[in-house]
Protein backbone atom coordinates (compact mmCIF):
# COMPACT_ATOMS: atom_id res chain seq x y z
CA MET A 1 110.89 -50.12 227.40
CA SER A 2 112.46 -52.87 225.24
CA HIS A 3 111.71 -54.21 221.77
CA ALA A 4 111.78 -57.65 220.21
CA TRP A 5 114.62 -56.51 217.91
CA MET A 6 116.91 -55.55 220.78
CA PRO A 7 119.86 -57.98 221.06
CA THR A 8 119.98 -60.00 224.27
CA SER A 9 122.54 -62.32 225.80
CA PRO A 10 121.91 -65.34 228.05
CA CYS A 11 125.25 -64.79 229.79
CA GLY A 12 125.22 -64.23 233.54
CA ASP A 13 127.05 -65.10 236.76
CA ALA A 14 127.11 -68.80 235.83
CA CYS A 15 129.40 -67.94 232.89
CA LEU A 16 132.18 -66.53 235.09
CA THR A 17 135.23 -68.78 235.11
CA GLU A 18 136.69 -69.70 238.48
CA GLY A 19 140.19 -69.98 239.85
CA ALA A 20 141.53 -66.62 238.71
CA PRO A 21 144.37 -65.25 240.88
CA THR A 22 143.65 -61.99 242.67
CA VAL A 23 145.61 -59.19 244.27
CA ALA A 24 145.36 -58.04 247.88
CA LEU A 25 143.06 -55.20 248.96
CA PRO A 26 145.85 -52.55 249.16
CA ARG A 27 146.77 -53.24 245.52
CA ARG A 28 143.12 -52.90 244.50
CA ILE A 29 142.90 -49.54 246.25
CA LEU A 30 146.05 -48.40 244.46
CA ARG A 31 144.48 -49.41 241.15
CA TYR A 32 141.34 -47.39 241.82
CA THR A 33 143.47 -44.42 242.79
CA ALA A 34 145.66 -44.71 239.70
CA ALA A 35 142.66 -45.02 237.37
CA ALA A 36 140.94 -42.03 238.97
CA SER A 37 144.13 -39.98 238.60
CA VAL A 38 144.43 -40.85 234.91
CA VAL A 39 140.82 -39.92 234.21
CA PHE A 40 141.05 -36.69 236.22
CA THR A 41 144.18 -35.68 234.31
CA ALA A 42 142.49 -36.57 231.02
CA LEU A 43 139.50 -34.38 231.82
CA LEU A 44 141.84 -31.48 232.60
CA ILE A 45 143.72 -31.69 229.31
CA ILE A 46 140.73 -32.39 227.04
CA PRO A 47 140.20 -28.65 226.33
CA ALA A 48 143.81 -28.46 225.14
CA LEU A 49 143.15 -31.33 222.73
CA LEU A 50 140.78 -29.09 220.81
CA VAL A 51 143.76 -27.13 219.48
CA VAL A 52 146.03 -30.14 218.97
CA ARG A 53 145.67 -31.94 215.65
CA GLY A 54 147.06 -34.90 213.76
CA ARG A 55 149.44 -37.48 215.16
CA SER A 56 150.24 -35.45 218.29
CA ARG A 57 146.61 -35.54 219.39
CA GLU A 58 146.31 -39.24 218.58
CA ARG A 59 149.46 -40.13 220.51
CA LEU A 60 148.27 -38.24 223.57
CA LEU A 61 144.83 -39.86 223.53
CA ARG A 62 146.34 -43.29 222.99
CA ARG A 63 148.60 -42.74 225.97
CA ILE A 64 145.61 -41.83 228.15
CA PHE A 65 143.68 -44.99 227.26
CA ARG A 66 146.75 -47.20 227.71
CA SER A 67 147.29 -45.60 231.11
CA VAL A 68 143.77 -46.60 232.14
CA LEU A 69 144.52 -50.21 231.23
CA ARG A 70 147.81 -50.14 233.15
CA ALA A 71 146.07 -48.60 236.16
CA PHE A 72 143.81 -51.67 236.35
CA GLY A 73 146.74 -54.04 235.87
CA VAL A 74 145.73 -55.03 232.33
CA ARG A 75 148.45 -55.94 229.83
CA LEU A 76 147.61 -55.24 226.18
CA SER A 77 148.78 -57.83 223.64
CA VAL A 78 148.26 -56.81 219.98
CA VAL A 79 148.39 -59.30 217.10
CA GLY A 80 148.55 -58.00 213.50
CA GLY A 81 147.23 -54.74 212.14
CA ALA A 82 150.45 -52.89 211.32
CA ASP A 83 148.70 -51.23 208.38
CA PHE A 84 145.83 -50.12 210.62
CA LEU A 85 148.02 -48.76 213.38
CA SER A 86 150.15 -46.71 210.97
CA ALA A 87 147.37 -45.57 208.61
CA PRO A 88 147.08 -41.81 208.14
CA ALA A 89 144.22 -39.93 209.76
CA GLY A 90 141.28 -38.89 207.63
CA ARG A 91 140.52 -42.29 206.10
CA GLY A 92 137.16 -43.43 207.41
CA ALA A 93 136.44 -47.00 208.48
CA LEU A 94 133.87 -48.92 210.48
CA VAL A 95 135.78 -50.73 213.24
CA VAL A 96 133.82 -53.69 214.63
CA ASN A 97 134.62 -56.11 217.45
CA ASN A 98 133.10 -58.80 219.64
CA HIS A 99 131.78 -57.29 222.86
CA ILE A 100 132.74 -58.65 226.28
CA SER A 101 133.58 -55.88 228.72
CA TRP A 102 133.64 -52.13 229.34
CA LEU A 103 137.38 -52.59 228.86
CA ASP A 104 136.78 -53.24 225.15
CA ILE A 105 136.29 -49.60 224.21
CA ILE A 106 139.37 -48.59 226.21
CA ALA A 107 141.47 -51.21 224.41
CA ILE A 108 140.24 -50.16 220.96
CA ASN A 109 141.10 -46.53 221.68
CA ALA A 110 144.47 -47.58 223.10
CA LEU A 111 145.24 -48.78 219.57
CA ARG A 112 143.81 -45.79 217.72
CA PRO A 113 141.55 -43.16 219.29
CA MET A 114 138.21 -43.00 217.49
CA ARG A 115 134.56 -42.15 217.80
CA ALA A 116 132.11 -44.82 218.94
CA LEU A 117 128.51 -45.77 218.37
CA ALA A 118 127.42 -46.34 221.96
CA LYS A 119 124.16 -47.06 223.72
CA SER A 120 122.73 -43.91 225.26
CA GLU A 121 122.98 -45.32 228.79
CA ILE A 122 126.78 -45.12 228.68
CA ALA A 123 126.62 -41.32 228.61
CA SER A 124 125.52 -41.37 232.27
CA TRP A 125 128.14 -43.85 233.47
CA PRO A 126 130.75 -42.53 235.90
CA VAL A 127 134.24 -41.98 234.46
CA LEU A 128 133.86 -43.99 231.24
CA GLY A 129 130.74 -42.07 230.25
CA THR A 130 132.59 -38.78 230.44
CA LEU A 131 135.44 -40.02 228.26
CA VAL A 132 133.04 -41.48 225.71
CA ARG A 133 131.00 -38.26 225.52
CA ARG A 134 134.10 -36.08 225.15
CA GLY A 135 135.38 -38.42 222.43
CA GLY A 136 132.53 -37.40 220.11
CA SER A 137 130.52 -40.60 220.35
CA ILE A 138 127.28 -41.13 218.46
CA PHE A 139 124.66 -42.34 220.92
CA LEU A 140 121.98 -44.87 220.02
CA ASP A 141 118.72 -44.93 221.96
CA ARG A 142 117.89 -48.63 221.83
CA ASN A 143 114.49 -48.08 223.44
CA ARG A 144 113.27 -45.80 220.61
CA LEU A 145 113.23 -47.73 217.37
CA ARG A 146 112.13 -44.72 215.33
CA THR A 147 115.46 -42.97 216.01
CA LEU A 148 117.49 -45.76 214.37
CA PRO A 149 117.40 -44.45 210.75
CA ASP A 150 118.59 -40.99 211.82
CA THR A 151 121.37 -42.49 213.95
CA MET A 152 122.55 -44.69 211.06
CA SER A 153 122.48 -41.64 208.77
CA ARG A 154 124.73 -39.71 211.17
CA LEU A 155 127.03 -42.72 211.38
CA ALA A 156 127.31 -42.90 207.58
CA ASP A 157 128.02 -39.15 207.42
CA SER A 158 130.83 -39.48 209.98
CA LEU A 159 132.39 -42.39 208.08
CA ARG A 160 132.10 -40.54 204.78
CA ALA A 161 133.82 -37.52 206.35
CA GLY A 162 136.86 -39.65 207.23
CA ALA A 163 136.16 -40.70 210.82
CA LEU A 164 137.04 -44.02 212.39
CA VAL A 165 133.96 -45.21 214.27
CA ASN A 166 133.92 -48.20 216.63
CA VAL A 167 130.78 -50.35 216.72
CA THR A 168 129.93 -53.55 218.61
CA PRO A 169 127.50 -55.32 216.24
CA GLU A 170 126.47 -57.96 218.80
CA GLY A 171 124.53 -55.14 220.42
CA THR A 172 125.22 -56.33 223.96
CA THR A 173 127.99 -57.94 225.99
CA TRP A 174 128.70 -61.67 226.06
CA CYS A 175 130.99 -63.60 228.39
CA GLY A 176 133.62 -64.30 225.73
CA LEU A 177 133.24 -68.07 226.01
CA ALA A 178 130.06 -67.64 223.99
CA SER A 179 129.22 -64.93 221.48
CA GLY A 180 126.29 -63.39 219.62
CA ARG A 181 125.46 -62.77 215.99
CA PHE A 182 126.51 -59.54 214.29
CA THR A 183 123.49 -57.36 213.57
CA THR A 184 123.48 -55.70 210.17
CA ALA A 185 122.23 -52.09 210.47
CA THR A 186 125.63 -50.48 211.07
CA PHE A 187 127.16 -52.30 208.11
CA GLN A 188 124.71 -50.48 205.85
CA ALA A 189 126.27 -47.24 207.12
CA ALA A 190 129.67 -48.51 205.96
CA ILE A 191 128.23 -49.31 202.52
CA ASP A 192 126.52 -45.92 202.30
CA GLY A 193 129.68 -44.17 203.45
CA GLY A 194 131.86 -46.08 200.96
CA VAL A 195 134.39 -47.08 203.65
CA PRO A 196 136.10 -50.35 204.60
CA VAL A 197 135.22 -52.47 207.62
CA ARG A 198 138.00 -53.38 210.05
CA PRO A 199 137.16 -56.42 212.25
CA ILE A 200 138.94 -56.72 215.60
CA ALA A 201 138.78 -59.78 217.83
CA LEU A 202 139.14 -59.49 221.60
CA ARG A 203 139.98 -62.18 224.15
CA TYR A 204 140.80 -62.00 227.87
CA ARG A 205 143.42 -64.31 229.34
CA LEU A 206 145.31 -64.79 232.57
CA ALA A 207 149.09 -64.69 232.77
CA ASP A 208 149.27 -68.50 232.54
CA GLY A 209 147.37 -68.47 229.23
CA ARG A 210 143.95 -69.57 230.49
CA GLU A 211 141.01 -67.76 228.93
CA THR A 212 138.88 -66.00 231.52
CA SER A 213 135.40 -64.48 231.50
CA GLN A 214 135.98 -62.55 234.74
CA PRO A 215 136.28 -59.15 232.94
CA ALA A 216 132.90 -59.64 231.23
CA PHE A 217 130.18 -57.09 231.94
CA ILE A 218 127.15 -59.37 231.80
CA GLY A 219 123.69 -59.88 233.14
CA PRO A 220 122.04 -57.32 235.42
CA GLU A 221 125.20 -56.43 237.34
CA SER A 222 126.20 -52.80 237.84
CA LEU A 223 129.27 -51.18 236.33
CA ILE A 224 130.70 -50.79 239.83
CA ALA A 225 130.49 -54.54 240.44
CA SER A 226 132.32 -55.23 237.19
CA LEU A 227 134.98 -52.63 238.03
CA ARG A 228 135.60 -54.32 241.37
CA ARG A 229 136.04 -57.72 239.76
CA VAL A 230 138.52 -56.41 237.18
CA ALA A 231 140.50 -54.46 239.80
CA ALA A 232 140.91 -57.66 241.81
CA LEU A 233 142.41 -59.76 238.99
CA ARG A 234 146.11 -60.57 238.87
CA GLY A 235 147.90 -60.93 235.52
CA LEU A 236 145.00 -60.03 233.21
CA VAL A 237 145.97 -59.97 229.53
CA LEU A 238 143.75 -58.43 226.86
CA GLU A 239 144.48 -59.97 223.46
CA VAL A 240 143.61 -57.77 220.50
CA HIS A 241 143.67 -59.43 217.08
CA VAL A 242 143.48 -56.82 214.31
CA CYS A 243 142.06 -58.59 211.24
CA PRO A 244 142.60 -57.54 207.60
CA GLU A 245 140.15 -54.89 206.46
CA ILE A 246 137.17 -55.71 204.30
CA ALA A 247 137.35 -53.38 201.31
CA PRO A 248 134.32 -51.41 200.06
CA GLY A 249 132.40 -53.37 197.44
CA ARG A 250 133.58 -56.80 198.57
CA ALA A 251 130.08 -57.65 199.86
CA ASP A 252 126.87 -57.12 197.91
CA ASP A 253 124.73 -56.16 200.90
CA ARG A 254 124.88 -55.46 204.62
CA HIS A 255 124.01 -59.05 205.55
CA SER A 256 126.95 -60.44 203.56
CA LEU A 257 129.24 -57.75 204.96
CA ALA A 258 128.20 -58.53 208.54
CA ALA A 259 128.81 -62.24 207.91
CA LEU A 260 132.31 -61.55 206.56
CA ALA A 261 133.21 -59.45 209.61
CA GLU A 262 131.79 -62.00 212.05
CA SER A 263 133.67 -64.81 210.33
CA ALA A 264 136.93 -62.84 210.50
CA VAL A 265 136.54 -62.37 214.27
CA HIS A 266 135.78 -66.05 214.88
CA SER A 267 138.68 -67.12 212.69
CA ALA A 268 141.11 -64.88 214.58
CA LEU A 269 139.98 -66.40 217.88
CA GLY A 270 140.12 -69.97 216.54
CA THR A 271 136.40 -70.59 216.82
CA VAL A 272 133.76 -71.98 214.51
CA ARG A 273 130.09 -71.10 214.89
CA ILE A 274 127.38 -73.75 214.83
CA PRO A 275 123.81 -72.53 214.18
CA PRO A 276 122.03 -72.01 217.53
CA GLN A 277 119.25 -74.37 218.53
CA ARG A 278 116.32 -73.39 220.70
CA ARG A 279 117.70 -69.85 220.99
CA ARG A 280 120.91 -71.13 222.62
CA ARG A 281 124.24 -69.89 221.33
CA VAL A 282 126.81 -72.58 220.64
CA ARG A 283 130.41 -72.03 219.72
CA VAL A 284 133.09 -74.62 219.10
CA ARG A 285 136.59 -73.82 220.27
CA VAL A 286 139.27 -75.32 218.05
CA ASP A 287 142.58 -76.39 219.57
CA ARG A 288 144.97 -76.01 216.64
CA SER A 289 147.81 -77.71 218.47
CA THR A 290 145.94 -81.02 218.88
CA SER A 291 143.33 -80.69 216.11
CA SER A 292 140.67 -81.44 218.71
CA SER A 293 137.72 -79.33 219.73
CA HIS A 294 135.11 -78.95 222.43
CA SER A 295 131.92 -76.98 222.56
CA VAL A 296 130.85 -74.27 224.94
CA MET A 297 127.11 -73.88 225.43
CA HIS A 298 124.91 -71.30 227.10
């Protein structure tokens, strides 16, 4: 059952960019094998992580998530965020990002391992679902609106207790060439918890610099289909732009706070939003080198 408030995206197969280089079948099989080995090893050592604390635990978890990216042939490119990457544990923050792929959550945790607010369906996903569950995620049942206040209360409690929690405020995945609006409910949890908001902008490129939507997890496709497409790509680069944090008290309400975070993400990616018309999302991509722009519509 769905509700009118549930975020939706018009993105589908037609949004997938063409011309991406691919690897041969043997390399794809090796990638599946490598990823499975990393996850299997991670599941074996998770009980040991319960007795490991502080930076040692964080380094080990970060290594696991980076190994998953390497297994799929994904190169991580991080821009900014030195203060975030070196910040001591125990300082809570709401970490928000644009949402394109199942790779997003792996990339965020490759920077700093953290809890996540995830849709309840992810708990049943193979491989990724297990890692997300073991990571202490807070699950949101999007089909039961009455559970939302309790979920937001638990999110605020976690933030107040000093946890980093990753949230995707668009509420669903987009292709990356277009994007959705940031919903506001989770930003109220940051206000209630008295913690900063850390926006992070994600973009997927090929080795030659072209932006690609091939890693996007969009439309009605299965997770397996998306995994196959990612495993086939050659030279995939995941750009992570860590934006300056938005300090507690900078925004008067959750709507203003959501707007600040959304603007930070678009600015980092060099995009400017135009109000959507007829329920169509429009985003203008700015080419800073030529001062020209063109629009991408869905």
